[in-house]
Amino acid sequence: MRGVVVVPAVKRETIRMLIRRDLLEQLKASGIVGAQYKDLVDDYLALWDLKEELKKEIKTKGAMVVWRNGAQTGRKRSDAVVELPKVSKRMTDLLEVLGAIEPPAGAADDDMPDL
């Protein structure tokens, strides 16, 4: 195939390792030290793992799933679709705590509803 660039997929564990390294480097560069901050990085990575699993579930099963209760069946929104924004919000909150991102100018905690 001419003119097409094929980029090999990067393993999930490699991406996870890079995220961890980058977050720890940002903490160090910012002068933020302490076991509690490394623990928060691990919490962030646990949420990242969950987010990736939710995205995988949506990709494989779709946004709508079939439910069965005895003789009744129907379709409903996948729980992964509901949980994904909540997990993403928590990840953003942790990045703010770690100082990795700045909250939007003029935004207060009360301005954003919890999903």
PDB file of N, CA and C in Angstrom:
ATOM      1  N   MET A   1       0.855  -1.174   0.000  1.00  0.00           N
ATOM      2  CA  MET A   1       0.000   0.000   0.000  1.00  0.00           C
ATOM      3  C   MET A   1       0.897   1.232   0.000  1.00  0.00           C
ATOM      4  N   ARG A   2       0.718   2.010  -0.950  1.00  0.00           N
ATOM      5  CA  ARG A   2       1.554   3.175  -1.117  1.00  0.00           C
ATOM      6  C   ARG A   2       0.935   4.387  -0.433  1.00  0.00           C
ATOM      7  N   GLY A   3       1.765   5.145   0.293  1.00  0.00           N
ATOM      8  CA  GLY A   3       1.294   6.364   0.930  1.00  0.00           C
ATOM      9  C   GLY A   3       0.581   6.142   2.260  1.00  0.00           C
ATOM     10  N   VAL A   4       0.496   4.899   2.700  1.00  0.00           N
ATOM     11  CA  VAL A   4      -0.174   4.590   3.961  1.00  0.00           C
ATOM     12  C   VAL A   4       0.889   4.244   4.998  1.00  0.00           C
ATOM     13  N   VAL A   5       0.838   4.931   6.119  1.00  0.00           N
ATOM     14  CA  VAL A   5       1.773   4.659   7.196  1.00  0.00           C
ATOM     15  C   VAL A   5       1.062   3.812   8.235  1.00  0.00           C
ATOM     16  N   VAL A   6       1.621   2.657   8.534  1.00  0.00           N
ATOM     17  CA  VAL A   6       1.049   1.770   9.532  1.00  0.00           C
ATOM     18  C   VAL A   6       1.828   1.986  10.829  1.00  0.00           C
ATOM     19  N   VAL A   7       1.097   2.378  11.867  1.00  0.00           N
ATOM     20  CA  VAL A   7       1.706   2.611  13.170  1.00  0.00           C
ATOM     21  C   VAL A   7       1.376   1.413  14.051  1.00  0.00           C
ATOM     22  N   PRO A   8       2.415   0.753  14.592  1.00  0.00           N
ATOM     23  CA  PRO A   8       2.127  -0.404  15.445  1.00  0.00           C
ATOM     24  C   PRO A   8       1.430   0.030  16.728  1.00  0.00           C
ATOM     25  N   ALA A   9       0.552  -0.822  17.207  1.00  0.00           N
ATOM     26  CA  ALA A   9      -0.166  -0.536  18.447  1.00  0.00           C
ATOM     27  C   ALA A   9       0.811  -0.589  19.622  1.00  0.00           C
ATOM     28  N   VAL A  10       0.642   0.344  20.539  1.00  0.00           N
ATOM     29  CA  VAL A  10       1.476   0.374  21.733  1.00  0.00           C
ATOM     30  C   VAL A  10       0.739  -0.404  22.814  1.00  0.00           C
ATOM     31  N   LYS A  11       1.479  -1.267  23.481  1.00  0.00           N
ATOM     32  CA  LYS A  11       0.860  -2.084  24.516  1.00  0.00           C
ATOM     33  C   LYS A  11       0.356  -1.210  25.651  1.00  0.00           C
ATOM     34  N   ARG A  12      -0.749  -1.621  26.197  1.00  0.00           N
ATOM     35  CA  ARG A  12      -1.382  -0.892  27.295  1.00  0.00           C
ATOM     36  C   ARG A  12      -0.435  -0.725  28.482  1.00  0.00           C
ATOM     37  N   GLU A  13       0.308  -1.765  28.801  1.00  0.00           N
ATOM     38  CA  GLU A  13       1.238  -1.703  29.934  1.00  0.00           C
ATOM     39  C   GLU A  13       2.348  -0.678  29.684  1.00  0.00           C
ATOM     40  N   THR A  14       2.757  -0.526  28.431  1.00  0.00           N
ATOM     41  CA  THR A  14       3.771   0.471  28.093  1.00  0.00           C
ATOM     42  C   THR A  14       3.222   1.879  28.304  1.00  0.00           C
ATOM     43  N   ILE A  15       2.002   2.102  27.864  1.00  0.00           N
ATOM     44  CA  ILE A  15       1.372   3.416  28.052  1.00  0.00           C
ATOM     45  C   ILE A  15       1.229   3.704  29.537  1.00  0.00           C
ATOM     46  N   ARG A  16       0.811   2.703  30.297  1.00  0.00           N
ATOM     47  CA  ARG A  16       0.634   2.862  31.754  1.00  0.00           C
ATOM     48  C   ARG A  16       1.959   3.240  32.414  1.00  0.00           C
ATOM     49  N   MET A  17       3.030   2.565  32.013  1.00  0.00           N
ATOM     50  CA  MET A  17       4.344   2.838  32.560  1.00  0.00           C
ATOM     51  C   MET A  17       4.785   4.269  32.230  1.00  0.00           C
ATOM     52  N   LEU A  18       4.519   4.717  31.002  1.00  0.00           N
ATOM     53  CA  LEU A  18       4.885   6.069  30.592  1.00  0.00           C
ATOM     54  C   LEU A  18       4.093   7.119  31.378  1.00  0.00           C
ATOM     55  N   ILE A  19       2.807   6.860  31.590  1.00  0.00           N
ATOM     56  CA  ILE A  19       1.980   7.792  32.367  1.00  0.00           C
ATOM     57  C   ILE A  19       2.521   7.898  33.785  1.00  0.00           C
ATOM     58  N   ARG A  20       2.832   6.758  34.398  1.00  0.00           N
ATOM     59  CA  ARG A  20       3.363   6.758  35.765  1.00  0.00           C
ATOM     60  C   ARG A  20       4.672   7.533  35.838  1.00  0.00           C
ATOM     61  N   ARG A  21       5.563   7.250  34.906  1.00  0.00           N
ATOM     62  CA  ARG A  21       6.847   7.945  34.880  1.00  0.00           C
ATOM     63  C   ARG A  21       6.668   9.451  34.720  1.00  0.00           C
ATOM     64  N   ASP A  22       5.807   9.847  33.793  1.00  0.00           N
ATOM     65  CA  ASP A  22       5.579  11.268  33.546  1.00  0.00           C
ATOM     66  C   ASP A  22       4.994  11.962  34.775  1.00  0.00           C
ATOM     67  N   LEU A  23       4.021  11.326  35.426  1.00  0.00           N
ATOM     68  CA  LEU A  23       3.420  11.932  36.616  1.00  0.00           C
ATOM     69  C   LEU A  23       4.446  12.073  37.738  1.00  0.00           C
ATOM     70  N   LEU A  24       5.259  11.043  37.946  1.00  0.00           N
ATOM     71  CA  LEU A  24       6.274  11.115  39.001  1.00  0.00           C
ATOM     72  C   LEU A  24       7.325  12.181  38.682  1.00  0.00           C
ATOM     73  N   GLU A  25       7.686  12.311  37.406  1.00  0.00           N
ATOM     74  CA  GLU A  25       8.634  13.357  37.002  1.00  0.00           C
ATOM     75  C   GLU A  25       8.039  14.743  37.219  1.00  0.00           C
ATOM     76  N   GLN A  26       6.760  14.906  36.923  1.00  0.00           N
ATOM     77  CA  GLN A  26       6.102  16.199  37.150  1.00  0.00           C
ATOM     78  C   GLN A  26       6.068  16.546  38.625  1.00  0.00           C
ATOM     79  N   LEU A  27       5.797  15.559  39.463  1.00  0.00           N
ATOM     80  CA  LEU A  27       5.807  15.797  40.909  1.00  0.00           C
ATOM     81  C   LEU A  27       7.189  16.239  41.367  1.00  0.00           C
ATOM     82  N   LYS A  28       8.200  15.533  40.912  1.00  0.00           N
ATOM     83  CA  LYS A  28       9.573  15.850  41.297  1.00  0.00           C
ATOM     84  C   LYS A  28       9.956  17.245  40.824  1.00  0.00           C
ATOM     85  N   ALA A  29       9.627  17.570  39.589  1.00  0.00           N
ATOM     86  CA  ALA A  29       9.958  18.885  39.030  1.00  0.00           C
ATOM     87  C   ALA A  29       9.232  20.008  39.774  1.00  0.00           C
ATOM     88  N   SER A  30       8.051  19.700  40.302  1.00  0.00           N
ATOM     89  CA  SER A  30       7.272  20.703  41.036  1.00  0.00           C
ATOM     90  C   SER A  30       7.663  20.777  42.508  1.00  0.00           C
ATOM     91  N   GLY A  31       8.572  19.899  42.926  1.00  0.00           N
ATOM     92  CA  GLY A  31       8.984  19.888  44.327  1.00  0.00           C
ATOM     93  C   GLY A  31       7.958  19.248  45.245  1.00  0.00           C
ATOM     94  N   ILE A  32       7.069  18.474  44.678  1.00  0.00           N
ATOM     95  CA  ILE A  32       6.044  17.792  45.470  1.00  0.00           C
ATOM     96  C   ILE A  32       6.584  16.413  45.821  1.00  0.00           C
ATOM     97  N   VAL A  33       6.817  16.202  47.107  1.00  0.00           N
ATOM     98  CA  VAL A  33       7.381  14.928  47.551  1.00  0.00           C
ATOM     99  C   VAL A  33       6.511  14.332  48.649  1.00  0.00           C
ATOM    100  N   GLY A  34       6.601  13.051  48.803  1.00  0.00           N
ATOM    101  CA  GLY A  34       5.864  12.372  49.868  1.00  0.00           C
ATOM    102  C   GLY A  34       5.203  11.124  49.341  1.00  0.00           C
ATOM    103  N   ALA A  35       5.142  10.138  50.225  1.00  0.00           N
ATOM    104  CA  ALA A  35       4.540   8.858  49.864  1.00  0.00           C
ATOM    105  C   ALA A  35       3.068   9.023  49.492  1.00  0.00           C
ATOM    106  N   GLN A  36       2.388   9.995  50.123  1.00  0.00           N
ATOM    107  CA  GLN A  36       0.970  10.183  49.837  1.00  0.00           C
ATOM    108  C   GLN A  36       0.741  10.587  48.376  1.00  0.00           C
ATOM    109  N   TYR A  37       1.703  11.321  47.791  1.00  0.00           N
ATOM    110  CA  TYR A  37       1.551  11.726  46.394  1.00  0.00           C
ATOM    111  C   TYR A  37       1.829  10.557  45.447  1.00  0.00           C
ATOM    112  N   LYS A  38       2.785   9.713  45.801  1.00  0.00           N
ATOM    113  CA  LYS A  38       3.024   8.517  44.993  1.00  0.00           C
ATOM    114  C   LYS A  38       1.814   7.592  45.064  1.00  0.00           C
ATOM    115  N   ASP A  39       1.175   7.545  46.228  1.00  0.00           N
ATOM    116  CA  ASP A  39      -0.034   6.749  46.378  1.00  0.00           C
ATOM    117  C   ASP A  39      -1.148   7.303  45.487  1.00  0.00           C
ATOM    118  N   LEU A  40      -1.244   8.622  45.388  1.00  0.00           N
ATOM    119  CA  LEU A  40      -2.249   9.233  44.511  1.00  0.00           C
ATOM    120  C   LEU A  40      -1.964   8.914  43.045  1.00  0.00           C
ATOM    121  N   VAL A  41      -0.685   8.836  42.678  1.00  0.00           N
ATOM    122  CA  VAL A  41      -0.331   8.432  41.314  1.00  0.00           C
ATOM    123  C   VAL A  41      -0.822   7.012  41.066  1.00  0.00           C
ATOM    124  N   ASP A  42      -0.626   6.137  42.049  1.00  0.00           N
ATOM    125  CA  ASP A  42      -1.118   4.761  41.907  1.00  0.00           C
ATOM    126  C   ASP A  42      -2.644   4.725  41.817  1.00  0.00           C
ATOM    127  N   ASP A  43      -3.322   5.586  42.589  1.00  0.00           N
ATOM    128  CA  ASP A  43      -4.782   5.687  42.495  1.00  0.00           C
ATOM    129  C   ASP A  43      -5.196   6.138  41.090  1.00  0.00           C
ATOM    130  N   TYR A  44      -4.467   7.116  40.554  1.00  0.00           N
ATOM    131  CA  TYR A  44      -4.751   7.596  39.204  1.00  0.00           C
ATOM    132  C   TYR A  44      -4.616   6.449  38.199  1.00  0.00           C
ATOM    133  N   LEU A  45      -3.556   5.670  38.345  1.00  0.00           N
ATOM    134  CA  LEU A  45      -3.333   4.564  37.418  1.00  0.00           C
ATOM    135  C   LEU A  45      -4.400   3.480  37.552  1.00  0.00           C
ATOM    136  N   ALA A  46      -4.888   3.251  38.749  1.00  0.00           N
ATOM    137  CA  ALA A  46      -5.985   2.294  38.935  1.00  0.00           C
ATOM    138  C   ALA A  46      -7.233   2.788  38.200  1.00  0.00           C
ATOM    139  N   LEU A  47      -7.490   4.084  38.282  1.00  0.00           N
ATOM    140  CA  LEU A  47      -8.622   4.657  37.550  1.00  0.00           C
ATOM    141  C   LEU A  47      -8.385   4.580  36.045  1.00  0.00           C
ATOM    142  N   TRP A  48      -7.142   4.792  35.633  1.00  0.00           N
ATOM    143  CA  TRP A  48      -6.811   4.689  34.209  1.00  0.00           C
ATOM    144  C   TRP A  48      -7.083   3.273  33.709  1.00  0.00           C
ATOM    145  N   ASP A  49      -6.683   2.274  34.503  1.00  0.00           N
ATOM    146  CA  ASP A  49      -6.957   0.878  34.138  1.00  0.00           C
ATOM    147  C   ASP A  49      -8.458   0.642  33.987  1.00  0.00           C
ATOM    148  N   LEU A  50      -9.223   1.165  34.951  1.00  0.00           N
ATOM    149  CA  LEU A  50     -10.678   1.018  34.904  1.00  0.00           C
ATOM    150  C   LEU A  50     -11.256   1.703  33.672  1.00  0.00           C
ATOM    151  N   LYS A  51     -10.771   2.892  33.368  1.00  0.00           N
ATOM    152  CA  LYS A  51     -11.242   3.634  32.185  1.00  0.00           C
ATOM    153  C   LYS A  51     -10.980   2.834  30.917  1.00  0.00           C
ATOM    154  N   GLU A  52      -9.802   2.243  30.819  1.00  0.00           N
ATOM    155  CA  GLU A  52      -9.477   1.452  29.631  1.00  0.00           C
ATOM    156  C   GLU A  52     -10.386   0.226  29.516  1.00  0.00           C
ATOM    157  N   GLU A  53     -10.700  -0.406  30.645  1.00  0.00           N
ATOM    158  CA  GLU A  53     -11.611  -1.551  30.630  1.00  0.00           C
ATOM    159  C   GLU A  53     -13.024  -1.128  30.218  1.00  0.00           C
ATOM    160  N   LEU A  54     -13.473   0.022  30.708  1.00  0.00           N
ATOM    161  CA  LEU A  54     -14.795   0.522  30.340  1.00  0.00           C
ATOM    162  C   LEU A  54     -14.853   0.827  28.845  1.00  0.00           C
ATOM    163  N   LYS A  55     -13.808   1.441  28.315  1.00  0.00           N
ATOM    164  CA  LYS A  55     -13.760   1.743  26.875  1.00  0.00           C
ATOM    165  C   LYS A  55     -13.769   0.457  26.056  1.00  0.00           C
ATOM    166  N   LYS A  56     -13.037  -0.551  26.541  1.00  0.00           N
ATOM    167  CA  LYS A  56     -12.995  -1.842  25.848  1.00  0.00           C
ATOM    168  C   LYS A  56     -14.374  -2.496  25.854  1.00  0.00           C
ATOM    169  N   GLU A  57     -15.065  -2.423  26.996  1.00  0.00           N
ATOM    170  CA  GLU A  57     -16.407  -2.998  27.091  1.00  0.00           C
ATOM    171  C   GLU A  57     -17.374  -2.306  26.134  1.00  0.00           C
ATOM    172  N   ILE A  58     -17.297  -0.991  26.056  1.00  0.00           N
ATOM    173  CA  ILE A  58     -18.172  -0.252  25.141  1.00  0.00           C
ATOM    174  C   ILE A  58     -17.862  -0.632  23.695  1.00  0.00           C
ATOM    175  N   LYS A  59     -16.573  -0.778  23.399  1.00  0.00           N
ATOM    176  CA  LYS A  59     -16.182  -1.128  22.029  1.00  0.00           C
ATOM    177  C   LYS A  59     -16.662  -2.528  21.649  1.00  0.00           C
ATOM    178  N   THR A  60     -16.575  -3.478  22.581  1.00  0.00           N
ATOM    179  CA  THR A  60     -16.946  -4.856  22.251  1.00  0.00           C
ATOM    180  C   THR A  60     -18.446  -5.110  22.361  1.00  0.00           C
ATOM    181  N   LYS A  61     -19.095  -4.550  23.388  1.00  0.00           N
ATOM    182  CA  LYS A  61     -20.511  -4.828  23.608  1.00  0.00           C
ATOM    183  C   LYS A  61     -21.435  -3.747  23.075  1.00  0.00           C
ATOM    184  N   GLY A  62     -20.885  -2.554  22.847  1.00  0.00           N
ATOM    185  CA  GLY A  62     -21.693  -1.452  22.362  1.00  0.00           C
ATOM    186  C   GLY A  62     -22.225  -0.598  23.502  1.00  0.00           C
ATOM    187  N   ALA A  63     -22.796   0.536  23.137  1.00  0.00           N
ATOM    188  CA  ALA A  63     -23.320   1.470  24.127  1.00  0.00           C
ATOM    189  C   ALA A  63     -24.646   0.996  24.706  1.00  0.00           C
ATOM    190  N   MET A  64     -25.362   0.161  23.966  1.00  0.00           N
ATOM    191  CA  MET A  64     -26.628  -0.386  24.427  1.00  0.00           C
ATOM    192  C   MET A  64     -26.464  -1.897  24.556  1.00  0.00           C
ATOM    193  N   VAL A  65     -27.005  -2.452  25.642  1.00  0.00           N
ATOM    194  CA  VAL A  65     -26.913  -3.890  25.872  1.00  0.00           C
ATOM    195  C   VAL A  65     -28.313  -4.465  26.050  1.00  0.00           C
ATOM    196  N   VAL A  66     -28.433  -5.742  25.772  1.00  0.00           N
ATOM    197  CA  VAL A  66     -29.710  -6.447  25.928  1.00  0.00           C
ATOM    198  C   VAL A  66     -29.786  -6.965  27.358  1.00  0.00           C
ATOM    199  N   TRP A  67     -30.955  -6.795  27.985  1.00  0.00           N
ATOM    200  CA  TRP A  67     -31.168  -7.336  29.322  1.00  0.00           C
ATOM    201  C   TRP A  67     -32.306  -8.347  29.256  1.00  0.00           C
ATOM    202  N   ARG A  68     -32.238  -9.303  30.165  1.00  0.00           N
ATOM    203  CA  ARG A  68     -33.288 -10.329  30.248  1.00  0.00           C
ATOM    204  C   ARG A  68     -33.687 -10.500  31.702  1.00  0.00           C
ATOM    205  N   ASN A  69     -34.974 -10.579  31.928  1.00  0.00           N
ATOM    206  CA  ASN A  69     -35.513 -10.849  33.254  1.00  0.00           C
ATOM    207  C   ASN A  69     -36.670 -11.824  33.062  1.00  0.00           C
ATOM    208  N   GLY A  70     -36.352 -13.100  33.185  1.00  0.00           N
ATOM    209  CA  GLY A  70     -37.382 -14.107  32.913  1.00  0.00           C
ATOM    210  C   GLY A  70     -37.729 -14.093  31.443  1.00  0.00           C
ATOM    211  N   ALA A  71     -39.005 -13.857  31.153  1.00  0.00           N
ATOM    212  CA  ALA A  71     -39.469 -13.832  29.765  1.00  0.00           C
ATOM    213  C   ALA A  71     -39.331 -12.441  29.148  1.00  0.00           C
ATOM    214  N   GLN A  72     -39.019 -11.453  29.955  1.00  0.00           N
ATOM    215  CA  GLN A  72     -38.908 -10.081  29.452  1.00  0.00           C
ATOM    216  C   GLN A  72     -37.485  -9.806  28.970  1.00  0.00           C
ATOM    217  N   THR A  73     -37.400  -9.077  27.877  1.00  0.00           N
ATOM    218  CA  THR A  73     -36.105  -8.626  27.364  1.00  0.00           C
ATOM    219  C   THR A  73     -36.240  -7.186  26.917  1.00  0.00           C
ATOM    220  N   GLY A  74     -35.129  -6.547  26.836  1.00  0.00           N
ATOM    221  CA  GLY A  74     -35.118  -5.167  26.368  1.00  0.00           C
ATOM    222  C   GLY A  74     -33.694  -4.705  26.157  1.00  0.00           C
ATOM    223  N   ARG A  75     -33.548  -3.441  25.838  1.00  0.00           N
ATOM    224  CA  ARG A  75     -32.225  -2.844  25.655  1.00  0.00           C
ATOM    225  C   ARG A  75     -32.093  -1.688  26.640  1.00  0.00           C
ATOM    226  N   LYS A  76     -30.878  -1.529  27.146  1.00  0.00           N
ATOM    227  CA  LYS A  76     -30.611  -0.424  28.055  1.00  0.00           C
ATOM    228  C   LYS A  76     -29.209   0.082  27.786  1.00  0.00           C
ATOM    229  N   ARG A  77     -28.949   1.260  28.290  1.00  0.00           N
ATOM    230  CA  ARG A  77     -27.619   1.836  28.145  1.00  0.00           C
ATOM    231  C   ARG A  77     -26.639   0.999  28.971  1.00  0.00           C
ATOM    232  N   SER A  78     -25.495   0.726  28.403  1.00  0.00           N
ATOM    233  CA  SER A  78     -24.469  -0.049  29.095  1.00  0.00           C
ATOM    234  C   SER A  78     -24.012   0.678  30.353  1.00  0.00           C
ATOM    235  N   ASP A  79     -23.785  -0.074  31.433  1.00  0.00           N
ATOM    236  CA  ASP A  79     -23.268   0.524  32.659  1.00  0.00           C
ATOM    237  C   ASP A  79     -21.922   1.190  32.412  1.00  0.00           C
ATOM    238  N   ALA A  80     -21.147   0.664  31.456  1.00  0.00           N
ATOM    239  CA  ALA A  80     -19.849   1.254  31.136  1.00  0.00           C
ATOM    240  C   ALA A  80     -20.012   2.681  30.609  1.00  0.00           C
ATOM    241  N   VAL A  81     -21.073   2.930  29.849  1.00  0.00           N
ATOM    242  CA  VAL A  81     -21.332   4.267  29.317  1.00  0.00           C
ATOM    243  C   VAL A  81     -21.630   5.238  30.457  1.00  0.00           C
ATOM    244  N   VAL A  82     -22.315   4.756  31.474  1.00  0.00           N
ATOM    245  CA  VAL A  82     -22.667   5.587  32.627  1.00  0.00           C
ATOM    246  C   VAL A  82     -21.434   5.856  33.493  1.00  0.00           C
ATOM    247  N   GLU A  83     -20.607   4.846  33.690  1.00  0.00           N
ATOM    248  CA  GLU A  83     -19.465   4.951  34.596  1.00  0.00           C
ATOM    249  C   GLU A  83     -18.268   5.675  33.994  1.00  0.00           C
ATOM    250  N   LEU A  84     -18.094   5.615  32.698  1.00  0.00           N
ATOM    251  CA  LEU A  84     -16.913   6.215  32.067  1.00  0.00           C
ATOM    252  C   LEU A  84     -16.736   7.702  32.376  1.00  0.00           C
ATOM    253  N   PRO A  85     -17.767   8.531  32.254  1.00  0.00           N
ATOM    254  CA  PRO A  85     -17.577   9.955  32.596  1.00  0.00           C
ATOM    255  C   PRO A  85     -17.247  10.174  34.073  1.00  0.00           C
ATOM    256  N   LYS A  86     -17.793   9.337  34.945  1.00  0.00           N
ATOM    257  CA  LYS A  86     -17.500   9.468  36.377  1.00  0.00           C
ATOM    258  C   LYS A  86     -16.033   9.177  36.652  1.00  0.00           C
ATOM    259  N   VAL A  87     -15.527   8.122  36.030  1.00  0.00           N
ATOM    260  CA  VAL A  87     -14.125   7.753  36.211  1.00  0.00           C
ATOM    261  C   VAL A  87     -13.225   8.849  35.637  1.00  0.00           C
ATOM    262  N   SER A  88     -13.568   9.358  34.469  1.00  0.00           N
ATOM    263  CA  SER A  88     -12.772  10.434  33.860  1.00  0.00           C
ATOM    264  C   SER A  88     -12.738  11.674  34.735  1.00  0.00           C
ATOM    265  N   LYS A  89     -13.852  11.991  35.358  1.00  0.00           N
ATOM    266  CA  LYS A  89     -13.918  13.152  36.265  1.00  0.00           C
ATOM    267  C   LYS A  89     -13.000  12.949  37.464  1.00  0.00           C
ATOM    268  N   ARG A  90     -13.027  11.769  38.040  1.00  0.00           N
ATOM    269  CA  ARG A  90     -12.155  11.468  39.189  1.00  0.00           C
ATOM    270  C   ARG A  90     -10.691  11.533  38.786  1.00  0.00           C
ATOM    271  N   MET A  91     -10.385  11.092  37.591  1.00  0.00           N
ATOM    272  CA  MET A  91      -9.005  11.162  37.103  1.00  0.00           C
ATOM    273  C   MET A  91      -8.558  12.614  36.982  1.00  0.00           C
ATOM    274  N   THR A  92      -9.432  13.445  36.448  1.00  0.00           N
ATOM    275  CA  THR A  92      -9.121  14.869  36.325  1.00  0.00           C
ATOM    276  C   THR A  92      -8.944  15.499  37.700  1.00  0.00           C
ATOM    277  N   ASP A  93      -9.797  15.124  38.646  1.00  0.00           N
ATOM    278  CA  ASP A  93      -9.670  15.630  40.024  1.00  0.00           C
ATOM    279  C   ASP A  93      -8.311  15.263  40.612  1.00  0.00           C
ATOM    280  N   LEU A  94      -7.880  14.033  40.401  1.00  0.00           N
ATOM    281  CA  LEU A  94      -6.584  13.605  40.931  1.00  0.00           C
ATOM    282  C   LEU A  94      -5.436  14.372  40.266  1.00  0.00           C
ATOM    283  N   LEU A  95      -5.544  14.601  38.969  1.00  0.00           N
ATOM    284  CA  LEU A  95      -4.495  15.378  38.295  1.00  0.00           C
ATOM    285  C   LEU A  95      -4.409  16.785  38.864  1.00  0.00           C
ATOM    286  N   GLU A  96      -5.548  17.373  39.202  1.00  0.00           N
ATOM    287  CA  GLU A  96      -5.546  18.702  39.821  1.00  0.00           C
ATOM    288  C   GLU A  96      -4.877  18.657  41.184  1.00  0.00           C
ATOM    289  N   VAL A  97      -5.175  17.638  41.999  1.00  0.00           N
ATOM    290  CA  VAL A  97      -4.572  17.491  43.320  1.00  0.00           C
ATOM    291  C   VAL A  97      -3.061  17.331  43.192  1.00  0.00           C
ATOM    292  N   LEU A  98      -2.643  16.563  42.193  1.00  0.00           N
ATOM    293  CA  LEU A  98      -1.217  16.331  41.980  1.00  0.00           C
ATOM    294  C   LEU A  98      -0.516  17.536  41.353  1.00  0.00           C
ATOM    295  N   GLY A  99      -1.296  18.522  40.939  1.00  0.00           N
ATOM    296  CA  GLY A  99      -0.701  19.703  40.313  1.00  0.00           C
ATOM    297  C   GLY A  99      -0.290  19.468  38.878  1.00  0.00           C
ATOM    298  N   ALA A 100      -0.749  18.366  38.290  1.00  0.00           N
ATOM    299  CA  ALA A 100      -0.385  18.047  36.913  1.00  0.00           C
ATOM    300  C   ALA A 100      -1.179  18.885  35.914  1.00  0.00           C
ATOM    301  N   ILE A 101      -2.363  19.335  36.332  1.00  0.00           N
ATOM    302  CA  ILE A 101      -3.149  20.231  35.483  1.00  0.00           C
ATOM    303  C   ILE A 101      -3.717  21.331  36.359  1.00  0.00           C
ATOM    304  N   GLU A 102      -3.962  22.449  35.750  1.00  0.00           N
ATOM    305  CA  GLU A 102      -4.577  23.573  36.451  1.00  0.00           C
ATOM    306  C   GLU A 102      -6.078  23.523  36.212  1.00  0.00           C
ATOM    307  N   PRO A 103      -6.871  23.813  37.248  1.00  0.00           N
ATOM    308  CA  PRO A 103      -8.314  23.896  37.003  1.00  0.00           C
ATOM    309  C   PRO A 103      -8.603  25.076  36.084  1.00  0.00           C
ATOM    310  N   PRO A 104      -9.680  25.017  35.322  1.00  0.00           N
ATOM    311  CA  PRO A 104     -10.017  26.130  34.437  1.00  0.00           C
ATOM    312  C   PRO A 104     -10.144  27.433  35.230  1.00  0.00           C
ATOM    313  N   ALA A 105      -9.734  28.524  34.616  1.00  0.00           N
ATOM    314  CA  ALA A 105      -9.790  29.828  35.272  1.00  0.00           C
ATOM    315  C   ALA A 105     -11.213  30.144  35.705  1.00  0.00           C
ATOM    316  N   GLY A 106     -11.360  30.545  36.960  1.00  0.00           N
ATOM    317  CA  GLY A 106     -12.660  30.922  37.489  1.00  0.00           C
ATOM    318  C   GLY A 106     -13.524  29.753  37.919  1.00  0.00           C
ATOM    319  N   ALA A 107     -13.026  28.536  37.764  1.00  0.00           N
ATOM    320  CA  ALA A 107     -13.837  27.368  38.142  1.00  0.00           C
ATOM    321  C   ALA A 107     -13.628  27.060  39.611  1.00  0.00           C
ATOM    322  N   ALA A 108     -14.715  26.807  40.277  1.00  0.00           N
ATOM    323  CA  ALA A 108     -14.677  26.374  41.674  1.00  0.00           C
ATOM    324  C   ALA A 108     -15.199  24.958  41.738  1.00  0.00           C
ATOM    325  N   ASP A 109     -14.894  24.258  42.814  1.00  0.00           N
ATOM    326  CA  ASP A 109     -15.343  22.869  42.955  1.00  0.00           C
ATOM    327  C   ASP A 109     -16.850  22.744  42.829  1.00  0.00           C
ATOM    328  N   ASP A 110     -17.576  23.741  43.297  1.00  0.00           N
ATOM    329  CA  ASP A 110     -19.038  23.675  43.297  1.00  0.00           C
ATOM    330  C   ASP A 110     -19.624  23.938  41.926  1.00  0.00           C
ATOM    331  N   ASP A 111     -18.815  24.453  40.990  1.00  0.00           N
ATOM    332  CA  ASP A 111     -19.327  24.774  39.661  1.00  0.00           C
ATOM    333  C   ASP A 111     -19.586  23.534  38.811  1.00  0.00           C
ATOM    334  N   MET A 112     -18.885  22.452  39.114  1.00  0.00           N
ATOM    335  CA  MET A 112     -18.983  21.249  38.303  1.00  0.00           C
ATOM    336  C   MET A 112     -19.822  20.210  39.052  1.00  0.00           C
ATOM    337  N   PRO A 113     -20.922  19.760  38.468  1.00  0.00           N
ATOM    338  CA  PRO A 113     -21.709  18.720  39.139  1.00  0.00           C
ATOM    339  C   PRO A 113     -20.990  17.374  39.052  1.00  0.00           C
ATOM    340  N   ASP A 114     -21.137  16.571  40.072  1.00  0.00           N
ATOM    341  CA  ASP A 114     -20.591  15.217  40.034  1.00  0.00           C
ATOM    342  C   ASP A 114     -21.469  14.379  39.143  1.00  0.00           C
ATOM    343  N   LEU A 115     -20.841  13.602  38.280  1.00  0.00           N
ATOM    344  CA  LEU A 115     -21.606  12.752  37.351  1.00  0.00           C
ATOM    345  C   LEU A 115     -21.869  11.416  37.948  1.00  0.00           C
TER     346      LEU A 115
END
